[in-house]
N, C-alpha and C. Protein backbone atom coordinates (compact mmCIF):
# COMPACT_ATOMS: atom_id res chain seq x y z
N UNK A 1 -38.80 31.01 6.94
CA UNK A 1 -40.14 30.72 7.40
C UNK A 1 -40.60 29.34 6.92
N UNK A 2 -40.12 28.96 5.73
CA UNK A 2 -40.51 27.67 5.18
C UNK A 2 -39.98 26.52 6.04
N UNK A 3 -38.80 26.71 6.65
CA UNK A 3 -38.24 25.68 7.52
C UNK A 3 -39.08 25.52 8.79
N UNK A 4 -39.57 26.63 9.31
CA UNK A 4 -40.40 26.57 10.51
C UNK A 4 -41.70 25.84 10.23
N UNK A 5 -42.35 26.16 9.11
CA UNK A 5 -43.57 25.45 8.75
C UNK A 5 -43.29 23.97 8.53
N UNK A 6 -42.18 23.66 7.88
CA UNK A 6 -41.84 22.27 7.65
C UNK A 6 -41.64 21.52 8.96
N UNK A 7 -40.96 22.13 9.90
CA UNK A 7 -40.71 21.47 11.19
C UNK A 7 -42.01 21.28 11.97
N UNK A 8 -42.85 22.30 12.00
CA UNK A 8 -44.10 22.20 12.75
C UNK A 8 -45.03 21.15 12.14
N UNK A 9 -45.18 21.19 10.83
CA UNK A 9 -46.06 20.21 10.17
C UNK A 9 -45.48 18.80 10.27
N UNK A 10 -44.15 18.67 10.28
CA UNK A 10 -43.53 17.36 10.43
C UNK A 10 -43.81 16.78 11.81
N UNK A 11 -43.77 17.61 12.83
CA UNK A 11 -44.08 17.14 14.18
C UNK A 11 -45.53 16.69 14.27
N UNK A 12 -46.43 17.48 13.71
CA UNK A 12 -47.85 17.11 13.73
C UNK A 12 -48.08 15.82 12.95
N UNK A 13 -47.45 15.69 11.79
CA UNK A 13 -47.61 14.49 10.98
C UNK A 13 -47.00 13.26 11.66
N UNK A 14 -45.85 13.43 12.30
CA UNK A 14 -45.22 12.31 13.01
C UNK A 14 -46.09 11.84 14.17
N UNK A 15 -46.66 12.78 14.91
CA UNK A 15 -47.54 12.39 16.00
C UNK A 15 -48.80 11.71 15.48
N UNK A 16 -49.32 12.20 14.36
CA UNK A 16 -50.50 11.56 13.76
C UNK A 16 -50.14 10.17 13.23
N UNK A 17 -48.95 10.03 12.65
CA UNK A 17 -48.52 8.71 12.16
C UNK A 17 -48.38 7.73 13.31
N UNK A 18 -47.80 8.17 14.40
CA UNK A 18 -47.62 7.28 15.55
C UNK A 18 -48.96 6.92 16.19
N UNK A 19 -49.84 7.90 16.29
CA UNK A 19 -51.13 7.65 16.94
C UNK A 19 -52.11 6.86 16.10
N UNK A 20 -52.03 7.00 14.79
CA UNK A 20 -53.02 6.36 13.92
C UNK A 20 -52.42 5.27 13.03
N UNK A 21 -51.22 4.82 13.34
CA UNK A 21 -50.54 3.86 12.47
C UNK A 21 -51.31 2.56 12.32
N UNK A 22 -51.86 2.05 13.40
CA UNK A 22 -52.57 0.78 13.29
C UNK A 22 -53.93 0.95 12.62
N UNK A 23 -54.46 2.16 12.60
CA UNK A 23 -55.72 2.41 11.89
C UNK A 23 -55.49 2.57 10.39
N UNK A 24 -54.30 2.98 10.00
CA UNK A 24 -53.97 3.21 8.60
C UNK A 24 -53.39 1.98 7.91
N UNK A 25 -53.20 0.91 8.65
CA UNK A 25 -52.60 -0.31 8.09
C UNK A 25 -53.64 -1.07 7.28
N UNK A 26 -53.23 -1.49 6.08
CA UNK A 26 -54.08 -2.33 5.22
C UNK A 26 -53.30 -3.60 4.94
N UNK A 27 -53.71 -4.70 5.54
CA UNK A 27 -52.98 -5.95 5.38
C UNK A 27 -51.58 -5.81 5.94
N UNK A 28 -50.58 -6.05 5.10
CA UNK A 28 -49.18 -5.90 5.51
C UNK A 28 -48.63 -4.52 5.17
N UNK A 29 -49.43 -3.67 4.57
CA UNK A 29 -48.96 -2.36 4.12
C UNK A 29 -49.11 -1.32 5.23
N UNK A 30 -48.03 -0.60 5.47
CA UNK A 30 -48.03 0.49 6.42
C UNK A 30 -47.89 1.80 5.66
N UNK A 31 -48.69 2.79 6.03
CA UNK A 31 -48.57 4.12 5.44
C UNK A 31 -47.52 4.90 6.22
N UNK A 32 -46.67 5.60 5.51
CA UNK A 32 -45.65 6.45 6.12
C UNK A 32 -45.94 7.90 5.75
N UNK A 33 -46.85 8.58 6.46
CA UNK A 33 -47.19 9.96 6.08
C UNK A 33 -46.02 10.92 6.18
N UNK A 34 -45.11 10.70 7.13
CA UNK A 34 -43.95 11.60 7.24
C UNK A 34 -43.09 11.48 5.98
N UNK A 35 -42.91 10.27 5.50
CA UNK A 35 -42.14 10.04 4.28
C UNK A 35 -42.85 10.63 3.06
N UNK A 36 -44.13 10.33 2.91
CA UNK A 36 -44.88 10.78 1.73
C UNK A 36 -44.94 12.30 1.68
N UNK A 37 -45.32 12.93 2.78
CA UNK A 37 -45.43 14.40 2.78
C UNK A 37 -44.06 15.06 2.74
N UNK A 38 -43.04 14.41 3.30
CA UNK A 38 -41.68 14.94 3.20
C UNK A 38 -41.17 14.92 1.77
N UNK A 39 -41.45 13.84 1.03
CA UNK A 39 -41.04 13.78 -0.37
C UNK A 39 -41.81 14.79 -1.20
N UNK A 40 -43.08 14.97 -0.91
CA UNK A 40 -43.87 15.98 -1.63
C UNK A 40 -43.33 17.37 -1.32
N UNK A 41 -43.01 17.62 -0.05
CA UNK A 41 -42.49 18.93 0.33
C UNK A 41 -41.14 19.18 -0.33
N UNK A 42 -40.30 18.15 -0.42
CA UNK A 42 -38.98 18.31 -1.03
C UNK A 42 -39.07 18.56 -2.53
N UNK A 43 -40.07 17.97 -3.21
CA UNK A 43 -40.19 18.18 -4.65
C UNK A 43 -40.97 19.44 -4.97
N UNK A 44 -41.97 19.77 -4.18
CA UNK A 44 -42.79 20.96 -4.46
C UNK A 44 -42.14 22.23 -3.92
N UNK A 45 -41.55 22.14 -2.75
CA UNK A 45 -40.91 23.30 -2.15
C UNK A 45 -39.43 23.31 -2.46
N UNK A 46 -38.65 23.38 -1.42
CA UNK A 46 -37.19 23.34 -1.61
C UNK A 46 -36.63 22.07 -0.99
N UNK A 47 -35.47 21.67 -1.47
CA UNK A 47 -34.81 20.49 -0.92
C UNK A 47 -34.49 20.67 0.56
N UNK A 48 -34.06 21.88 0.91
CA UNK A 48 -33.68 22.14 2.29
C UNK A 48 -34.87 22.02 3.23
N UNK A 49 -36.03 22.54 2.82
CA UNK A 49 -37.22 22.44 3.66
C UNK A 49 -37.68 20.99 3.76
N UNK A 50 -37.55 20.23 2.68
CA UNK A 50 -37.88 18.82 2.72
C UNK A 50 -36.97 18.04 3.66
N UNK A 51 -35.70 18.40 3.67
CA UNK A 51 -34.77 17.73 4.58
C UNK A 51 -35.02 18.16 6.03
N UNK A 52 -35.40 19.41 6.25
CA UNK A 52 -35.79 19.84 7.60
C UNK A 52 -37.01 19.06 8.07
N UNK A 53 -37.96 18.85 7.16
CA UNK A 53 -39.15 18.04 7.46
C UNK A 53 -38.73 16.64 7.89
N UNK A 54 -37.85 16.02 7.11
CA UNK A 54 -37.44 14.65 7.38
C UNK A 54 -36.69 14.53 8.70
N UNK A 55 -35.80 15.46 8.95
CA UNK A 55 -35.02 15.40 10.19
C UNK A 55 -35.92 15.56 11.41
N UNK A 56 -36.78 16.57 11.38
CA UNK A 56 -37.66 16.82 12.52
C UNK A 56 -38.66 15.68 12.71
N UNK A 57 -39.31 15.28 11.62
CA UNK A 57 -40.28 14.19 11.70
C UNK A 57 -39.64 12.89 12.14
N UNK A 58 -38.43 12.62 11.65
CA UNK A 58 -37.72 11.41 12.04
C UNK A 58 -37.36 11.38 13.51
N UNK A 59 -36.89 12.52 14.03
CA UNK A 59 -36.56 12.56 15.45
C UNK A 59 -37.80 12.38 16.32
N UNK A 60 -38.92 12.99 15.92
CA UNK A 60 -40.15 12.82 16.69
C UNK A 60 -40.61 11.36 16.66
N UNK A 61 -40.55 10.73 15.49
CA UNK A 61 -40.92 9.31 15.40
C UNK A 61 -40.01 8.44 16.26
N UNK A 62 -38.72 8.76 16.29
CA UNK A 62 -37.80 7.99 17.13
C UNK A 62 -38.12 8.13 18.61
N UNK A 63 -38.43 9.35 19.02
CA UNK A 63 -38.70 9.59 20.43
C UNK A 63 -40.00 8.91 20.87
N UNK A 64 -41.07 9.09 20.10
CA UNK A 64 -42.36 8.54 20.54
C UNK A 64 -42.45 7.03 20.37
N UNK A 65 -41.72 6.46 19.42
CA UNK A 65 -41.80 5.01 19.22
C UNK A 65 -40.65 4.27 19.90
N UNK A 66 -39.80 5.00 20.62
CA UNK A 66 -38.69 4.44 21.39
C UNK A 66 -37.72 3.63 20.53
N UNK A 67 -37.47 4.13 19.34
CA UNK A 67 -36.43 3.55 18.48
C UNK A 67 -35.11 4.21 18.84
N UNK A 68 -34.01 3.67 18.36
CA UNK A 68 -32.72 4.35 18.58
C UNK A 68 -32.76 5.75 17.98
N UNK A 69 -32.36 6.73 18.76
CA UNK A 69 -32.48 8.13 18.36
C UNK A 69 -31.65 8.41 17.11
N UNK A 70 -32.30 8.92 16.09
CA UNK A 70 -31.65 9.28 14.84
C UNK A 70 -31.78 8.24 13.75
N UNK A 71 -32.25 7.06 14.07
CA UNK A 71 -32.33 6.01 13.05
C UNK A 71 -33.39 6.33 11.99
N UNK A 72 -34.56 6.77 12.42
CA UNK A 72 -35.61 7.11 11.46
C UNK A 72 -35.27 8.40 10.72
N UNK A 73 -34.68 9.35 11.43
CA UNK A 73 -34.27 10.60 10.79
C UNK A 73 -33.25 10.32 9.69
N UNK A 74 -32.29 9.46 9.98
CA UNK A 74 -31.28 9.09 8.99
C UNK A 74 -31.93 8.43 7.77
N UNK A 75 -32.82 7.47 8.01
CA UNK A 75 -33.49 6.77 6.91
C UNK A 75 -34.32 7.73 6.08
N UNK A 76 -35.04 8.65 6.73
CA UNK A 76 -35.84 9.63 6.00
C UNK A 76 -34.97 10.58 5.19
N UNK A 77 -33.89 11.06 5.77
CA UNK A 77 -33.01 11.98 5.05
C UNK A 77 -32.44 11.34 3.79
N UNK A 78 -31.94 10.13 3.91
CA UNK A 78 -31.34 9.45 2.77
C UNK A 78 -32.40 9.15 1.70
N UNK A 79 -33.53 8.59 2.13
CA UNK A 79 -34.56 8.17 1.18
C UNK A 79 -35.18 9.35 0.45
N UNK A 80 -35.55 10.38 1.18
CA UNK A 80 -36.22 11.53 0.54
C UNK A 80 -35.24 12.28 -0.36
N UNK A 81 -34.01 12.39 0.05
CA UNK A 81 -33.03 13.09 -0.80
C UNK A 81 -32.80 12.34 -2.11
N UNK A 82 -32.67 11.01 -2.04
CA UNK A 82 -32.50 10.23 -3.28
C UNK A 82 -33.76 10.31 -4.15
N UNK A 83 -34.92 10.26 -3.54
CA UNK A 83 -36.16 10.38 -4.30
C UNK A 83 -36.31 11.74 -4.95
N UNK A 84 -35.96 12.80 -4.21
CA UNK A 84 -36.08 14.16 -4.76
C UNK A 84 -35.06 14.39 -5.87
N UNK A 85 -33.87 13.81 -5.75
CA UNK A 85 -32.88 13.93 -6.83
C UNK A 85 -33.38 13.28 -8.11
N UNK A 86 -33.95 12.11 -7.98
CA UNK A 86 -34.45 11.41 -9.17
C UNK A 86 -35.66 12.12 -9.75
N UNK A 87 -36.55 12.62 -8.89
CA UNK A 87 -37.74 13.30 -9.37
C UNK A 87 -37.42 14.65 -10.01
N UNK A 88 -36.32 15.24 -9.62
CA UNK A 88 -35.92 16.52 -10.20
C UNK A 88 -35.52 16.43 -11.65
N UNK A 89 -35.30 15.23 -12.17
CA UNK A 89 -34.89 15.02 -13.55
C UNK A 89 -36.06 14.91 -14.52
N UNK A 90 -37.29 15.06 -14.03
CA UNK A 90 -38.46 14.84 -14.88
C UNK A 90 -38.75 15.98 -15.85
N UNK A 91 -38.35 17.18 -15.52
CA UNK A 91 -38.53 18.31 -16.44
C UNK A 91 -39.99 18.66 -16.68
N UNK A 92 -40.50 18.32 -17.87
CA UNK A 92 -41.85 18.71 -18.26
C UNK A 92 -42.93 17.98 -17.47
N UNK A 93 -42.61 16.84 -16.93
CA UNK A 93 -43.56 16.07 -16.15
C UNK A 93 -43.44 16.38 -14.66
N UNK A 94 -43.24 17.63 -14.35
CA UNK A 94 -42.99 18.07 -12.97
C UNK A 94 -44.14 17.74 -12.03
N UNK A 95 -45.37 17.68 -12.53
CA UNK A 95 -46.51 17.38 -11.68
C UNK A 95 -46.48 15.95 -11.17
N UNK A 96 -45.77 15.06 -11.86
CA UNK A 96 -45.66 13.67 -11.44
C UNK A 96 -44.44 13.41 -10.56
N UNK A 97 -43.66 14.44 -10.30
CA UNK A 97 -42.43 14.29 -9.53
C UNK A 97 -42.65 13.71 -8.13
N UNK A 98 -43.68 14.10 -7.39
CA UNK A 98 -43.87 13.51 -6.06
C UNK A 98 -44.13 12.01 -6.10
N UNK A 99 -44.81 11.54 -7.14
CA UNK A 99 -45.09 10.11 -7.25
C UNK A 99 -43.79 9.35 -7.46
N UNK A 100 -42.94 9.86 -8.33
CA UNK A 100 -41.65 9.23 -8.59
C UNK A 100 -40.77 9.29 -7.33
N UNK A 101 -40.78 10.44 -6.66
CA UNK A 101 -39.96 10.59 -5.45
C UNK A 101 -40.38 9.59 -4.38
N UNK A 102 -41.68 9.44 -4.17
CA UNK A 102 -42.17 8.50 -3.15
C UNK A 102 -41.91 7.06 -3.60
N UNK A 103 -42.05 6.79 -4.89
CA UNK A 103 -41.78 5.45 -5.39
C UNK A 103 -40.34 5.02 -5.18
N UNK A 104 -39.43 5.95 -5.23
CA UNK A 104 -38.02 5.64 -4.99
C UNK A 104 -37.71 5.65 -3.50
N UNK A 105 -38.30 6.60 -2.78
CA UNK A 105 -37.96 6.78 -1.36
C UNK A 105 -38.57 5.71 -0.46
N UNK A 106 -39.75 5.21 -0.79
CA UNK A 106 -40.44 4.29 0.12
C UNK A 106 -39.68 2.99 0.39
N UNK A 107 -39.22 2.26 -0.65
CA UNK A 107 -38.48 1.03 -0.31
C UNK A 107 -37.15 1.31 0.37
N UNK A 108 -36.50 2.41 -0.02
CA UNK A 108 -35.23 2.76 0.63
C UNK A 108 -35.46 3.06 2.10
N UNK A 109 -36.51 3.84 2.38
CA UNK A 109 -36.83 4.18 3.77
C UNK A 109 -37.17 2.93 4.59
N UNK A 110 -38.00 2.06 4.04
CA UNK A 110 -38.41 0.86 4.77
C UNK A 110 -37.20 -0.04 5.07
N UNK A 111 -36.37 -0.26 4.07
CA UNK A 111 -35.20 -1.12 4.28
C UNK A 111 -34.19 -0.49 5.23
N UNK A 112 -33.96 0.83 5.11
CA UNK A 112 -33.04 1.49 6.03
C UNK A 112 -33.57 1.50 7.45
N UNK A 113 -34.88 1.69 7.61
CA UNK A 113 -35.46 1.68 8.95
C UNK A 113 -35.33 0.31 9.59
N UNK A 114 -35.62 -0.73 8.83
CA UNK A 114 -35.47 -2.09 9.36
C UNK A 114 -34.01 -2.38 9.72
N UNK A 115 -33.10 -1.99 8.83
CA UNK A 115 -31.68 -2.27 9.06
C UNK A 115 -31.13 -1.47 10.25
N UNK A 116 -31.40 -0.18 10.30
CA UNK A 116 -30.84 0.63 11.39
C UNK A 116 -31.47 0.28 12.73
N UNK A 117 -32.75 -0.01 12.74
CA UNK A 117 -33.39 -0.38 14.00
C UNK A 117 -32.84 -1.71 14.50
N UNK A 118 -32.63 -2.64 13.58
CA UNK A 118 -32.08 -3.95 13.97
C UNK A 118 -30.64 -3.81 14.45
N UNK A 119 -29.85 -3.02 13.74
CA UNK A 119 -28.44 -2.89 14.10
C UNK A 119 -28.22 -2.07 15.37
N UNK A 120 -29.07 -1.08 15.61
CA UNK A 120 -28.87 -0.20 16.76
C UNK A 120 -29.67 -0.60 17.99
N UNK A 121 -30.54 -1.58 17.85
CA UNK A 121 -31.35 -2.00 18.99
C UNK A 121 -30.46 -2.67 20.03
N UNK A 122 -30.96 -2.72 21.24
CA UNK A 122 -30.16 -3.29 22.32
C UNK A 122 -29.92 -4.79 22.12
N UNK A 123 -30.84 -5.47 21.47
CA UNK A 123 -30.63 -6.89 21.17
C UNK A 123 -30.13 -7.02 19.74
N UNK A 124 -28.92 -6.57 19.52
CA UNK A 124 -28.35 -6.53 18.17
C UNK A 124 -28.05 -7.91 17.62
N UNK A 125 -28.20 -8.94 18.44
CA UNK A 125 -27.91 -10.28 17.96
C UNK A 125 -29.03 -10.85 17.10
N UNK A 126 -30.19 -10.20 17.08
CA UNK A 126 -31.30 -10.73 16.29
C UNK A 126 -31.13 -10.34 14.82
N UNK A 127 -31.17 -11.33 13.91
CA UNK A 127 -31.00 -11.04 12.49
C UNK A 127 -32.27 -10.42 11.90
N UNK A 128 -32.15 -9.90 10.70
CA UNK A 128 -33.32 -9.35 10.03
C UNK A 128 -34.31 -10.47 9.75
N UNK A 129 -35.51 -10.29 10.18
CA UNK A 129 -36.53 -11.30 9.97
C UNK A 129 -37.04 -11.22 8.54
N UNK A 130 -37.28 -12.36 7.93
CA UNK A 130 -37.79 -12.35 6.56
C UNK A 130 -39.21 -11.78 6.51
N UNK A 131 -39.95 -11.91 7.62
CA UNK A 131 -41.29 -11.33 7.65
C UNK A 131 -41.23 -9.80 7.66
N UNK A 132 -40.16 -9.23 8.20
CA UNK A 132 -40.02 -7.77 8.18
C UNK A 132 -39.77 -7.27 6.77
N UNK A 133 -39.07 -8.06 5.96
CA UNK A 133 -38.80 -7.65 4.58
C UNK A 133 -40.03 -7.80 3.68
N UNK A 134 -41.01 -8.56 4.11
CA UNK A 134 -42.20 -8.77 3.28
C UNK A 134 -43.13 -7.56 3.28
N UNK A 135 -42.88 -6.56 4.11
CA UNK A 135 -43.74 -5.37 4.12
C UNK A 135 -43.27 -4.31 3.14
N UNK A 136 -42.13 -4.51 2.49
CA UNK A 136 -41.56 -3.47 1.63
C UNK A 136 -42.47 -3.18 0.43
N UNK A 137 -42.87 -4.18 -0.31
CA UNK A 137 -43.67 -3.97 -1.52
C UNK A 137 -45.08 -3.46 -1.20
N UNK A 138 -45.79 -4.05 -0.24
CA UNK A 138 -47.12 -3.49 0.07
C UNK A 138 -47.05 -2.05 0.57
N UNK A 139 -46.04 -1.73 1.37
CA UNK A 139 -45.90 -0.35 1.85
C UNK A 139 -45.56 0.59 0.71
N UNK A 140 -44.74 0.13 -0.24
CA UNK A 140 -44.42 0.93 -1.42
C UNK A 140 -45.68 1.26 -2.20
N UNK A 141 -46.51 0.26 -2.45
CA UNK A 141 -47.75 0.49 -3.21
C UNK A 141 -48.66 1.46 -2.47
N UNK A 142 -48.81 1.28 -1.18
CA UNK A 142 -49.67 2.14 -0.37
C UNK A 142 -49.17 3.58 -0.38
N UNK A 143 -47.86 3.77 -0.17
CA UNK A 143 -47.29 5.12 -0.17
C UNK A 143 -47.44 5.80 -1.54
N UNK A 144 -47.23 5.04 -2.62
CA UNK A 144 -47.34 5.61 -3.96
C UNK A 144 -48.78 5.99 -4.27
N UNK A 145 -49.75 5.20 -3.83
CA UNK A 145 -51.16 5.54 -4.06
C UNK A 145 -51.51 6.84 -3.33
N UNK A 146 -51.06 6.98 -2.10
CA UNK A 146 -51.32 8.23 -1.36
C UNK A 146 -50.61 9.40 -2.03
N UNK A 147 -49.39 9.19 -2.49
CA UNK A 147 -48.66 10.26 -3.18
C UNK A 147 -49.33 10.61 -4.50
N UNK A 148 -49.92 9.62 -5.18
CA UNK A 148 -50.62 9.90 -6.44
C UNK A 148 -51.89 10.71 -6.19
N UNK A 149 -52.48 10.58 -5.03
CA UNK A 149 -53.68 11.35 -4.70
C UNK A 149 -53.34 12.78 -4.28
N UNK A 150 -52.27 12.94 -3.53
CA UNK A 150 -51.93 14.25 -2.96
C UNK A 150 -50.91 15.02 -3.80
N UNK A 151 -49.88 14.32 -4.30
CA UNK A 151 -48.74 14.97 -4.95
C UNK A 151 -49.06 15.85 -6.14
N UNK A 152 -49.78 15.35 -7.17
CA UNK A 152 -50.06 16.21 -8.32
C UNK A 152 -50.89 17.44 -7.97
N UNK A 153 -51.77 17.31 -7.00
CA UNK A 153 -52.55 18.47 -6.57
C UNK A 153 -51.65 19.54 -5.97
N UNK A 154 -50.75 19.13 -5.08
CA UNK A 154 -49.83 20.07 -4.46
C UNK A 154 -48.90 20.68 -5.51
N UNK A 155 -48.40 19.85 -6.43
CA UNK A 155 -47.50 20.37 -7.47
C UNK A 155 -48.21 21.36 -8.38
N UNK A 156 -49.46 21.08 -8.75
CA UNK A 156 -50.18 22.02 -9.62
C UNK A 156 -50.41 23.35 -8.92
N UNK A 157 -50.70 23.31 -7.62
CA UNK A 157 -50.88 24.56 -6.87
C UNK A 157 -49.58 25.33 -6.81
N UNK A 158 -48.47 24.64 -6.52
CA UNK A 158 -47.17 25.31 -6.42
C UNK A 158 -46.74 25.86 -7.77
N UNK A 159 -46.90 25.08 -8.84
CA UNK A 159 -46.50 25.56 -10.16
C UNK A 159 -47.35 26.73 -10.62
N UNK A 160 -48.64 26.70 -10.33
CA UNK A 160 -49.51 27.82 -10.70
C UNK A 160 -49.14 29.06 -9.91
N UNK A 161 -48.80 28.89 -8.65
CA UNK A 161 -48.43 30.03 -7.82
C UNK A 161 -47.12 30.65 -8.30
N UNK A 162 -46.18 29.79 -8.74
CA UNK A 162 -44.92 30.32 -9.26
C UNK A 162 -45.12 31.08 -10.56
N UNK A 163 -46.08 30.65 -11.40
CA UNK A 163 -46.39 31.37 -12.63
C UNK A 163 -46.96 32.76 -12.33
N UNK A 164 -47.82 32.85 -11.34
CA UNK A 164 -48.40 34.13 -10.95
C UNK A 164 -47.33 35.05 -10.42
N UNK A 165 -46.37 34.53 -9.67
CA UNK A 165 -45.31 35.36 -9.12
C UNK A 165 -44.40 35.91 -10.21
N UNK A 166 -44.23 35.19 -11.32
CA UNK A 166 -43.37 35.66 -12.40
C UNK A 166 -43.99 36.83 -13.16
N UNK A 167 -45.30 36.86 -13.22
CA UNK A 167 -46.00 37.91 -13.97
C UNK A 167 -45.97 39.19 -13.23
């Protein structure tokens, strides 16, 4: 059931990201809600549900934004999995795990998205633009701020719920 919820919420989030992307932009920083919520889901829930989120959300983003099919899904899967692996090592600081996961996943996702879109696009002769690489740091800061607002709240709810289930 967790996979179904992850897939449905990923589709809704991907459509919201595509529809409101230009409204959520601050300067050169782009918010990636599918990435942020996928990393939170992977650290708070299960890794498998987080990866289901990333795959579904990535495919929806590819379809609606007319990117090469699978490029965003690939970037999300790799980035969120690496972020969740690193965040899983925090132990006692489990409430901060989503912030660490997003901090690791955001630059990986942005760079992989730029690289795969450039390599798989029909005009593959165009090199990576230096202006495209300048959005990595502002997007990282923006994603981490959103994860810092949402992640610890979600983690505290999940951890408290797990304590109640043990009793």
